[in-house]
């Protein structure tokens, strides 16, 4: 509950008039596109974009989610539920990134190969429906991070309406909250393969092990966390505002009881806490 309060408080200073202006700019951009497919993961950004496209274009927009092993099953269920509650058209399509050796080897371009596969499949759908535009939920804040998927978007000419409207993450959350959308405070999410260090090949078995661990952390009541796979060692990142609860002998025993049966010999808690993209540190020598 404290995390929710902190999140709402952090968004309080945002200028309401500026927010409305940016949302109107987004709506105008979508209106100009006329008909779109939304690459929809179920995260806050893509969900807000799918909702906005539906508000403007109605049945001339459709939200499409990759039915990939790298997306947790709980996230797929959430994506379907958000679409149902918000009333926008939604469907799943299979993607086959695990058939690509360049994806499986998990170098620094893994995300490029994932997004490339997704956009190829979306282009196939768009071609059968005569839809000219594919859009995705990258926001202004994402431009400063290492995200090879943005290169794939440029190659496939996938548009980024949230960036074009100048919308940052906190603004998207606040606009979602004001619209009464259920996902406004959803914790940041990423595909399961992002839990595996670069250079360690990804496999469906490995990411399903990570998924099982993260579902167990959710069952314990933690809200923002990551399970980082390091072979026989698991490194658990928990948000700093929740970390104190994890730092007890009782919780240490519960975490050990969860992760040892999953095949890890060593169970560790990262004392720096959760931080987005922590595995990217090796790219910069960090």
Foldseek 3Di string as FASTA:
>chain_A
DVVVVVLVVVLVVDDPVLLVQLLVLLLVVLVVLQAEEEAAQQALQSLLNQLSNCVRRNQSYAYEYEPELQRFPVSVVNSVVLCVVSVGHYDYDYFDLVVDPVLQQFALLNQCSVLLRVLVVVVVVCVVVVRDAYEYRDAPVNVPDDGNSVVSCVVSVHHHSRHVSRHDLSSSLVVCVVVVRPNSPAEDDDTLVLLEAGRHGDDSLVSVLQSQLVVVVVVVVAHDKGWHDDDLEIEIAGAPVCVVVCPDPVNVVVSCVRNVVSRHPYYHYDPVHDDPSPSCVVVVPD
